[in-house]
Protein backbone atom coordinates (compact mmCIF):
# COMPACT_ATOMS: atom_id res chain seq x y z
CA MET A 1 -40.79 25.79 5.55
CA ILE A 2 -40.68 29.28 7.11
CA PRO A 3 -37.80 31.27 5.54
CA LYS A 4 -34.57 30.86 7.50
CA ASN A 5 -31.31 32.82 7.64
CA PHE A 6 -28.45 30.91 6.01
CA LEU A 7 -24.78 31.94 6.31
CA PHE A 8 -22.42 30.24 3.86
CA VAL A 9 -18.68 30.41 4.69
CA SER A 10 -16.26 29.52 1.90
CA LEU A 11 -12.52 29.55 1.33
CA GLU A 12 -12.64 29.79 -2.48
CA GLY A 13 -16.28 30.13 -3.49
CA LEU A 14 -16.95 26.41 -3.94
CA ILE A 15 -20.48 26.37 -2.53
CA SER A 16 -21.95 29.14 -4.69
CA ASP A 17 -24.43 26.87 -6.46
CA VAL A 18 -25.96 25.55 -3.23
CA ALA A 19 -26.21 29.08 -1.82
CA TRP A 20 -27.92 30.22 -5.03
CA GLN A 21 -30.45 27.39 -4.78
CA VAL A 22 -31.28 28.36 -1.19
CA VAL A 23 -31.77 31.97 -2.34
CA LYS A 24 -34.18 30.81 -5.07
CA GLU A 25 -36.19 28.93 -2.45
CA GLY A 26 -36.94 32.20 -0.66
CA HIS A 27 -34.54 32.05 2.29
CA ASN A 28 -32.34 34.89 3.51
CA VAL A 29 -28.71 34.23 2.56
CA LYS A 30 -25.34 35.82 3.27
CA TYR A 31 -22.25 34.44 1.58
CA PHE A 32 -18.61 34.96 2.60
CA ILE A 33 -15.66 34.09 0.35
CA ASP A 34 -12.22 34.35 1.94
CA SER A 35 -9.96 34.26 -1.14
CA LYS A 36 -9.27 37.68 -2.66
CA ASP A 37 -9.03 36.10 -6.13
CA GLU A 38 -12.50 34.57 -5.81
CA LYS A 39 -14.41 37.45 -4.16
CA ALA A 40 -16.47 38.16 -7.28
CA VAL A 41 -17.72 34.59 -7.64
CA ALA A 42 -21.54 34.46 -7.43
CA ASP A 43 -21.92 38.26 -7.41
CA GLY A 44 -25.41 39.02 -8.63
CA PHE A 45 -26.60 35.53 -7.70
CA VAL A 46 -26.11 35.47 -3.93
CA PRO A 47 -25.97 38.33 -1.37
CA LYS A 48 -22.49 38.68 0.14
CA THR A 49 -20.96 39.58 3.50
CA GLU A 50 -17.42 40.78 4.19
CA ASP A 51 -17.36 39.69 7.84
CA TRP A 52 -19.09 36.36 8.41
CA GLU A 53 -18.30 36.28 12.14
CA LYS A 54 -20.47 39.37 12.67
CA ASP A 55 -23.36 37.51 11.04
CA VAL A 56 -23.18 34.39 13.22
CA GLU A 57 -25.92 35.58 15.60
CA TRP A 58 -28.14 36.50 12.62
CA ALA A 59 -27.84 33.01 11.09
CA ASP A 60 -30.21 30.13 11.75
CA VAL A 61 -27.92 27.74 9.84
CA ILE A 62 -24.21 28.14 9.07
CA VAL A 63 -22.70 26.10 6.23
CA PHE A 64 -18.95 25.56 5.71
CA ASP A 65 -17.81 24.23 2.35
CA ASP A 66 -14.29 22.87 2.83
CA VAL A 67 -11.66 21.27 5.05
CA LEU A 68 -8.21 22.95 5.57
CA GLY A 69 -9.16 24.41 8.97
CA GLN A 70 -12.87 24.99 8.36
CA GLY A 71 -13.73 22.07 10.64
CA GLU A 72 -12.32 23.82 13.70
CA LYS A 73 -14.56 26.84 13.08
CA ALA A 74 -17.60 24.64 12.52
CA GLN A 75 -16.96 22.63 15.68
CA LYS A 76 -16.66 25.73 17.88
CA LEU A 77 -19.93 27.16 16.60
CA ARG A 78 -21.70 23.83 17.02
CA GLN A 79 -20.48 23.67 20.63
CA GLN A 80 -21.99 27.13 21.14
CA GLY A 81 -25.39 25.76 20.15
CA LYS A 82 -25.52 26.94 16.53
CA LEU A 83 -26.92 24.75 13.76
CA VAL A 84 -23.90 24.06 11.57
CA VAL A 85 -23.17 22.01 8.47
CA GLY A 86 -19.45 21.37 8.62
CA GLY A 87 -16.67 19.22 9.98
CA THR A 88 -14.30 19.01 12.91
CA PRO A 89 -10.49 19.06 13.13
CA TYR A 90 -10.61 15.25 13.08
CA THR A 91 -12.75 14.99 9.94
CA ASP A 92 -10.65 17.67 8.21
CA LYS A 93 -7.59 15.55 8.92
CA LEU A 94 -9.23 12.48 7.36
CA GLU A 95 -8.98 14.27 4.01
CA ASP A 96 -6.02 16.61 4.48
CA ASP A 97 -3.65 13.92 5.80
CA ARG A 98 -3.95 10.84 3.57
CA GLY A 99 -1.89 8.67 5.89
CA PHE A 100 -4.07 9.55 8.86
CA GLY A 101 -7.21 8.78 6.89
CA GLN A 102 -5.92 5.37 5.92
CA ASN A 103 -4.87 4.56 9.48
CA GLU A 104 -8.33 5.51 10.76
CA LEU A 105 -9.90 3.14 8.24
CA LYS A 106 -7.54 0.40 9.38
CA LYS A 107 -8.49 1.06 13.03
CA ALA A 108 -12.14 0.73 12.04
CA GLY A 109 -11.48 -2.71 10.55
CA VAL A 110 -11.34 -1.71 6.88
CA PRO A 111 -8.56 -3.41 4.84
CA ILE A 112 -6.32 -0.82 3.18
CA ILE A 113 -3.90 -0.84 0.25
CA PRO A 114 -0.18 -1.18 1.16
CA GLN A 115 1.28 2.33 1.35
CA GLU A 116 4.05 4.46 2.79
CA ASN A 117 4.03 8.12 3.79
CA PHE A 118 7.02 10.39 3.22
CA THR A 119 8.30 13.88 3.91
CA SER A 120 11.52 13.30 1.95
CA PHE A 121 11.75 12.69 -1.81
CA ASP A 122 15.16 11.01 -1.40
CA GLU A 123 13.75 8.52 1.10
CA ALA A 124 10.84 7.77 -1.24
CA ILE A 125 13.18 7.20 -4.19
CA GLU A 126 15.26 4.78 -2.14
CA TYR A 127 12.10 2.98 -1.02
CA VAL A 128 10.97 2.40 -4.61
CA LYS A 129 14.45 1.20 -5.64
CA LYS A 130 14.36 -1.38 -2.85
CA ASN A 131 10.68 -2.26 -3.42
CA PRO A 132 10.07 -2.03 -7.18
CA ASN A 133 6.38 -2.06 -8.14
CA LYS A 134 3.59 0.04 -9.61
CA TYR A 135 2.74 2.93 -7.29
CA VAL A 136 0.55 6.02 -7.16
CA ILE A 137 2.03 9.31 -5.89
CA LYS A 138 -0.51 11.22 -3.78
CA PRO A 139 0.42 14.58 -2.22
CA SER A 140 -1.12 15.37 1.17
CA GLY A 141 -2.29 18.64 2.69
CA GLU A 142 -2.95 21.70 0.56
CA ALA A 143 -0.80 20.33 -2.30
CA GLN A 144 -3.40 17.62 -2.97
CA ASN A 145 -5.64 20.36 -4.38
CA VAL A 146 -3.21 20.64 -7.31
CA LYS A 147 -4.76 17.65 -9.05
CA GLN A 148 -2.07 17.41 -11.75
CA LEU A 149 0.42 16.29 -9.07
CA LEU A 150 -1.31 12.94 -8.58
CA PHE A 151 0.66 10.47 -10.67
CA VAL A 152 -0.23 6.86 -11.47
CA GLY A 153 2.73 4.66 -12.28
CA GLU A 154 2.57 2.07 -15.06
CA GLU A 155 5.97 0.35 -14.91
CA GLU A 156 6.52 -2.82 -12.88
CA ASP A 157 10.03 -1.75 -11.87
CA GLY A 158 8.82 1.63 -10.62
CA LYS A 159 11.24 3.61 -12.81
CA ASP A 160 8.50 6.02 -13.94
CA ILE A 161 7.72 6.72 -10.27
CA ILE A 162 11.41 7.35 -9.50
CA HIS A 163 11.65 9.74 -12.45
CA MET A 164 8.55 11.64 -11.30
CA LEU A 165 9.77 11.85 -7.70
CA GLU A 166 13.06 13.32 -8.94
CA ASP A 167 11.10 15.86 -10.99
CA TYR A 168 8.88 16.79 -8.03
CA LYS A 169 11.96 17.19 -5.84
CA ALA A 170 13.41 19.69 -8.29
CA THR A 171 10.25 21.67 -9.05
CA TRP A 172 7.64 21.12 -6.31
CA SER A 173 9.52 20.58 -3.05
CA ASN A 174 8.38 23.98 -1.77
CA ARG A 175 4.72 22.93 -2.13
CA ILE A 176 4.75 19.19 -1.45
CA LYS A 177 5.71 18.77 2.20
CA GLU A 178 4.20 15.32 2.66
CA PHE A 179 3.04 12.65 0.25
CA GLN A 180 2.01 9.04 0.01
CA LEU A 181 3.13 6.18 -2.18
CA GLN A 182 0.23 3.79 -2.56
CA ARG A 183 0.49 0.40 -4.26
CA LYS A 184 -1.47 0.48 -7.51
CA ILE A 185 -4.47 -1.87 -7.54
CA ASN A 186 -6.33 -2.74 -10.73
CA GLY A 187 -10.12 -2.74 -10.74
CA VAL A 188 -13.16 -0.48 -10.95
CA GLU A 189 -12.90 2.97 -9.36
CA VAL A 190 -16.15 3.82 -7.57
CA ALA A 191 -17.03 6.17 -4.73
CA VAL A 192 -19.71 5.72 -2.10
CA GLY A 193 -20.89 8.60 0.04
CA ALA A 194 -23.65 9.67 2.40
CA PHE A 195 -24.88 12.68 4.33
CA PHE A 196 -24.37 12.54 8.11
CA ASN A 197 -26.68 14.39 10.52
CA GLY A 198 -24.49 14.37 13.62
CA TYR A 199 -25.88 11.04 14.80
CA GLU A 200 -26.18 8.68 11.84
CA PHE A 201 -25.86 8.31 8.10
CA MET A 202 -28.87 9.63 6.25
CA GLN A 203 -30.42 7.40 3.62
CA PRO A 204 -30.35 6.82 0.73
CA ILE A 205 -26.62 6.75 0.09
CA ASN A 206 -24.92 7.92 -3.10
CA VAL A 207 -22.81 5.88 -5.53
CA ASN A 208 -20.76 7.95 -7.95
CA PHE A 209 -18.13 7.68 -10.65
CA GLU A 210 -15.70 10.58 -11.10
CA HIS A 211 -14.09 11.53 -14.42
CA LYS A 212 -10.91 13.38 -13.51
CA LYS A 213 -8.86 13.33 -16.71
CA LEU A 214 -9.19 16.33 -19.02
CA PHE A 215 -9.92 14.53 -22.28
CA PRO A 216 -12.47 11.90 -23.39
CA GLY A 217 -11.17 8.37 -23.06
CA ASN A 218 -9.72 9.26 -19.65
CA ILE A 219 -6.46 10.67 -20.99
CA GLY A 220 -4.57 13.89 -20.39
CA PRO A 221 -3.78 15.73 -17.15
CA SER A 222 -5.74 15.14 -13.98
CA THR A 223 -8.22 17.87 -13.14
CA GLY A 224 -10.36 18.78 -10.17
CA GLU A 225 -13.18 17.03 -12.03
CA MET A 226 -14.63 17.02 -15.55
CA GLY A 227 -17.90 15.36 -14.64
CA THR A 228 -19.58 12.72 -12.51
CA SER A 229 -22.26 10.10 -13.00
CA MET A 230 -24.20 8.84 -10.00
CA PHE A 231 -27.28 7.28 -8.49
CA PHE A 232 -28.89 7.12 -5.06
CA SER A 233 -29.18 3.71 -3.45
CA GLU A 234 -30.08 1.80 -0.35
CA PRO A 235 -26.95 0.86 1.65
CA ASN A 236 -24.90 -1.64 -0.37
CA ARG A 237 -21.88 -3.87 0.22
CA ILE A 238 -19.33 -1.17 -0.59
CA PHE A 239 -20.91 1.24 1.90
CA SER A 240 -21.18 -1.41 4.62
CA ALA A 241 -17.55 -2.45 4.16
CA THR A 242 -16.17 1.11 4.35
CA LEU A 243 -18.11 4.22 5.44
CA LYS A 244 -20.57 2.39 7.68
CA LYS A 245 -17.67 1.31 9.88
CA MET A 246 -16.87 4.99 10.54
CA GLU A 247 -20.35 5.79 11.86
CA SER A 248 -19.54 5.62 15.57
CA VAL A 249 -16.49 7.86 15.11
CA LEU A 250 -18.48 10.44 13.16
CA ARG A 251 -21.19 10.34 15.84
CA ARG A 252 -18.54 11.00 18.50
CA GLU A 253 -17.32 13.97 16.44
CA LYS A 254 -20.88 15.24 15.84
CA TYR A 255 -19.95 15.59 12.18
CA VAL A 256 -22.62 17.18 9.98
CA GLY A 257 -22.30 17.10 6.21
CA TYR A 258 -21.43 14.83 3.34
CA ILE A 259 -18.62 12.30 3.47
CA ASP A 260 -17.41 10.17 0.60
CA ILE A 261 -14.80 7.47 0.16
CA ASN A 262 -13.28 6.63 -3.20
CA CYS A 263 -12.42 2.95 -3.71
CA ILE A 264 -10.90 0.48 -6.12
CA VAL A 265 -12.88 -2.76 -6.16
CA ASN A 266 -12.18 -6.04 -7.91
CA ASN A 267 -13.14 -9.68 -7.50
CA ASN A 268 -10.73 -9.95 -4.56
CA GLY A 269 -12.11 -7.15 -2.43
CA ILE A 270 -12.78 -3.47 -1.73
CA TYR A 271 -9.80 -1.12 -1.34
CA PRO A 272 -10.45 2.44 -0.07
CA LEU A 273 -8.33 5.19 -1.61
CA GLU A 274 -9.19 8.46 0.16
CA PHE A 275 -11.83 10.44 2.02
CA THR A 276 -13.70 13.55 0.95
CA SER A 277 -15.06 14.81 4.28
CA ARG A 278 -17.10 17.74 2.92
CA PHE A 279 -19.41 18.41 0.01
CA GLY A 280 -17.89 17.29 -3.27
CA TYR A 281 -17.67 19.71 -6.18
CA PRO A 282 -19.39 19.34 -8.59
CA THR A 283 -20.92 16.34 -6.77
CA ILE A 284 -23.27 18.38 -4.58
CA SER A 285 -24.67 20.26 -7.59
CA ILE A 286 -25.48 16.98 -9.31
CA GLN A 287 -26.92 15.51 -6.11
CA GLN A 288 -29.29 18.48 -5.82
CA GLU A 289 -31.04 17.24 -8.96
CA GLY A 290 -31.65 13.88 -7.29
CA ILE A 291 -32.75 15.07 -3.84
CA LEU A 292 -36.53 15.45 -3.87
CA MET A 293 -36.85 18.17 -1.25
CA PRO A 294 -35.81 21.84 -1.08
CA MET A 295 -32.10 22.32 -0.30
CA GLY A 296 -32.80 24.82 2.48
CA GLU A 297 -35.04 22.33 4.24
CA PHE A 298 -32.49 19.57 3.59
CA LEU A 299 -29.58 21.56 5.08
CA HIS A 300 -31.64 22.67 8.07
CA GLY A 301 -32.84 19.15 8.85
CA MET A 302 -29.33 17.75 8.52
CA ALA A 303 -27.83 20.42 10.81
CA GLU A 304 -30.63 19.95 13.35
CA GLY A 305 -30.20 16.17 13.32
CA THR A 306 -33.90 15.59 12.62
CA LEU A 307 -33.58 14.43 9.00
CA SER A 308 -32.51 10.80 8.68
CA LYS A 309 -34.30 9.72 5.50
CA PHE A 310 -35.14 11.71 2.39
CA LYS A 311 -36.69 10.97 -0.96
CA ALA A 312 -34.39 10.77 -3.97
CA ARG A 313 -34.98 10.15 -7.65
CA SER A 314 -34.67 6.66 -9.04
CA GLY A 315 -32.39 6.25 -12.02
CA PHE A 316 -29.23 8.20 -12.80
CA GLN A 317 -27.79 11.71 -12.75
CA VAL A 318 -24.99 12.81 -15.08
CA GLY A 319 -23.17 16.10 -14.49
CA VAL A 320 -20.78 17.63 -17.02
CA ARG A 321 -18.42 20.49 -16.22
CA ILE A 322 -18.15 23.29 -18.77
CA VAL A 323 -14.73 24.93 -18.51
CA VAL A 324 -12.64 27.59 -20.26
CA PRO A 325 -8.89 28.37 -20.43
CA PRO A 326 -6.70 28.00 -18.39
CA TYR A 327 -8.50 25.04 -16.72
CA PRO A 328 -7.18 22.74 -15.26
CA TYR A 329 -4.32 25.12 -14.49
CA LYS A 330 -4.31 28.45 -12.66
CA ASP A 331 -2.75 31.03 -14.96
CA LYS A 332 -3.87 34.62 -14.50
CA ARG A 333 -2.36 35.83 -17.79
CA LEU A 334 -4.07 33.13 -19.86
CA PHE A 335 -7.36 33.68 -18.05
CA GLU A 336 -7.31 37.42 -18.66
CA THR A 337 -6.38 36.88 -22.33
CA TYR A 338 -8.98 34.25 -23.23
CA SER A 339 -11.68 33.98 -20.59
CA LYS A 340 -12.10 36.93 -18.24
CA ASP A 341 -15.70 38.17 -18.29
CA ALA A 342 -16.57 35.84 -21.17
CA VAL A 343 -20.33 35.99 -21.65
CA ILE A 344 -22.35 32.82 -21.12
CA MET A 345 -25.13 32.75 -23.71
CA PHE A 346 -28.21 30.55 -23.91
CA LYS A 347 -29.85 29.96 -27.29
CA LYS A 348 -33.17 29.55 -25.48
CA PRO A 349 -33.95 30.89 -21.97
CA ASP A 350 -33.97 27.41 -20.46
CA PHE A 351 -31.95 27.06 -17.24
CA VAL A 352 -33.23 23.67 -16.06
CA GLY A 353 -30.31 21.48 -14.99
CA ILE A 354 -27.86 24.44 -15.10
CA HIS A 355 -25.67 24.96 -12.04
CA ILE A 356 -23.19 27.78 -11.49
CA GLU A 357 -19.55 27.60 -10.48
CA ASP A 358 -17.04 30.44 -10.99
CA ILE A 359 -19.31 33.01 -12.59
CA ARG A 360 -21.01 36.29 -11.69
CA LYS A 361 -24.00 38.22 -12.98
CA PHE A 362 -23.71 41.81 -14.20
CA ASN A 363 -26.41 43.75 -16.07
CA ASN A 364 -28.29 40.45 -16.26
CA GLU A 365 -25.39 38.82 -18.16
CA TRP A 366 -23.69 35.70 -16.83
CA LEU A 367 -19.91 36.27 -16.93
CA VAL A 368 -16.98 33.93 -16.26
CA THR A 369 -14.86 35.04 -13.31
CA SER A 370 -12.02 33.49 -11.23
CA ILE A 371 -8.73 32.31 -12.74
CA LYS A 372 -9.72 28.64 -12.27
CA GLY A 373 -11.77 28.74 -15.48
CA VAL A 374 -14.71 26.68 -14.24
CA ALA A 375 -18.04 27.97 -15.54
CA LEU A 376 -21.03 25.64 -15.23
CA ILE A 377 -22.20 22.16 -14.37
CA VAL A 378 -24.91 20.82 -16.65
CA VAL A 379 -26.96 17.93 -15.25
CA GLY A 380 -29.15 15.37 -16.98
CA LEU A 381 -31.53 12.82 -15.45
CA GLY A 382 -32.86 9.49 -16.67
CA GLN A 383 -34.05 6.05 -15.70
CA THR A 384 -31.06 4.71 -17.64
CA MET A 385 -27.55 6.09 -17.88
CA LYS A 386 -28.02 6.67 -21.62
CA GLN A 387 -31.12 8.77 -20.97
CA ALA A 388 -29.31 10.86 -18.35
CA GLN A 389 -26.36 11.37 -20.71
CA ALA A 390 -28.62 12.38 -23.59
CA GLN A 391 -30.43 14.96 -21.48
CA ALA A 392 -27.19 16.47 -20.15
CA TYR A 393 -25.62 16.81 -23.60
CA ASN A 394 -28.84 18.14 -25.15
CA ARG A 395 -28.84 20.86 -22.49
CA ILE A 396 -25.20 21.69 -23.28
CA GLU A 397 -26.21 22.31 -26.92
CA ASN A 398 -28.17 25.31 -25.63
CA ILE A 399 -25.04 26.94 -24.14
CA MET A 400 -22.45 29.13 -25.87
CA ILE A 401 -19.27 30.39 -24.17
CA PRO A 402 -16.19 31.52 -26.11
CA ASN A 403 -13.45 28.84 -25.93
CA MET A 404 -15.57 26.47 -23.80
CA TYR A 405 -14.69 22.79 -23.64
CA TYR A 406 -15.99 19.67 -21.90
CA ARG A 407 -15.83 15.89 -22.05
CA LYS A 408 -18.40 14.12 -24.20
CA ASP A 409 -18.11 10.73 -22.49
CA ILE A 410 -19.24 11.37 -18.91
CA GLY A 411 -21.10 8.23 -17.85
CA ASP A 412 -19.60 5.92 -20.48
CA ARG A 413 -17.63 4.06 -17.81
CA TRP A 414 -20.89 2.73 -16.39
CA PHE A 415 -21.59 0.42 -19.31
CA GLU A 416 -18.51 -1.70 -18.58
CA ASP A 417 -18.10 -1.06 -14.86
CA SER A 418 -21.69 -1.91 -13.95
CA ASP A 419 -21.35 -5.46 -15.28
CA LYS A 420 -18.32 -6.05 -13.07
CA LEU A 421 -19.87 -4.43 -10.00
CA HIS A 422 -23.06 -6.45 -10.36
CA ASN A 423 -21.17 -9.70 -11.04
CA TRP A 424 -19.02 -9.16 -7.94
CA GLY A 425 -22.13 -8.38 -5.91
CA TYR A 426 -21.01 -4.99 -4.63
CA LEU A 427 -24.18 -3.08 -5.55
CA ARG A 428 -26.50 -5.43 -3.69
CA GLU A 429 -28.19 -4.21 -0.54
CA ALA A 430 -26.12 -5.14 2.49
C-alpha cells in the first residue's frame, strides 16, 4: 500500500497503540490528544499535532477513538467527503445513554433485560423498595467511565442496592445525573463485536471475554479492564440474535468502526447488556495481533467501504494489562509519588506482542505517564487458550516496571464458560 496520511483524534489518548502501529508500517501520522493531563501520552512514539482541524485537508484518513461527542465531528467530516473511522451522534448515544441503547435493541427485535432508568436517587430507592430483587446499578453518560460506580447487587430483597443508592446520593450526585437499574441475570458474560465499513459488518466477527475486576478470581473493584481473551469467528448465534439486527440502522448512519455488545447468556436465551460503539481498549490492541493485514490498510479499507472480509488468525488471543498505582483510580498525588516517569525495562530486547497505553519515550527509555496508571498490554497467541495464556505470561516475565501489577488468570473463564456456550449452541455458525 502506498503510504497514506493518517490523522488520529483522541479525547484522552486511548488510540496511541493503533497510531504507533500505523507509524511502524511507514505511513505519515499526526496525533491529537485533547486532554491536558494526557498530552504527553505516546510522545516519542507518534508525531503529534496541536490543532487537528488544520490537518483535516492533509489527511487521507481521519480516525476518532471515542464517543462523548466525537461522533458528531466524524459525521460532519464524512459528509464533506473525507474518509473517516468514527461514529455519529446516534451511535455515540447507543453507548452514552444506556436506556436509549436498550430501547434501540428492543426496536430492532432483540429481547432485553427488565430495567428502569432514573435521574433521581430517591425515586430509584422507592422503586427497589416496591420491587425487591437483585439489580445492577449502571451510571449513564460520562459517569459510566468511572468503572468503580457499576455495582452488582447480591441480595434478593435489594437492600444492598438501596444502601448503595443512598451512598451514591450522598457522595456522587454531582457526577451521576442519570443511571439505570437492570435486573440481574445469571449466566455467562460474553461479548460479540464486529467492524462496520459504512455498509455492512465485516467478517470475521470477534467473540471476547472481558476481565474487569482488579484481582484474580474476579474480585475487588471494577476497573476499565484488566485483560481480555478472544477469538475471531464466522457469524454465530449470539451475533445473529443481537448485532446483526442493527445492521440496517448502522448502514443508514454510515457508521464506520468497531461495535460490540456485551451479553449475559444462559440456557433460556441471550440478554444484551450494553453497547461499545467505538474501538474497545485494550480490545483493539489484542485484535491487532489477530488481524492478518497491516492496520493502515485495514483502517483505510474500512473507511473507504471497500473491505468487507479480512483474514484473521485461527485460535485464541489473550491480552493482559500491566498497570501501576493508582490504577484503577485517578489520584495525581499517588501517581506522582509511586509511578510518574517509572522506567519500563525489558530483560531482553524483545517487543513482540507488546502494545503501549499511557507511556512516552524519552532518551530511548519507555516511561509511564498519565495519572491513570495504565502502562502496557501484553498479548499472547495460541491454537488453544492455554497456549495463548502461556505465551502472554512468558512475555510478561521479560518486563520490569516498579510497582507493576496484573492479573494472572486472564482467559481462565474460558475453560468453564466454553462448555456452557457450546452446550447451549451459541457458538455455532448461524
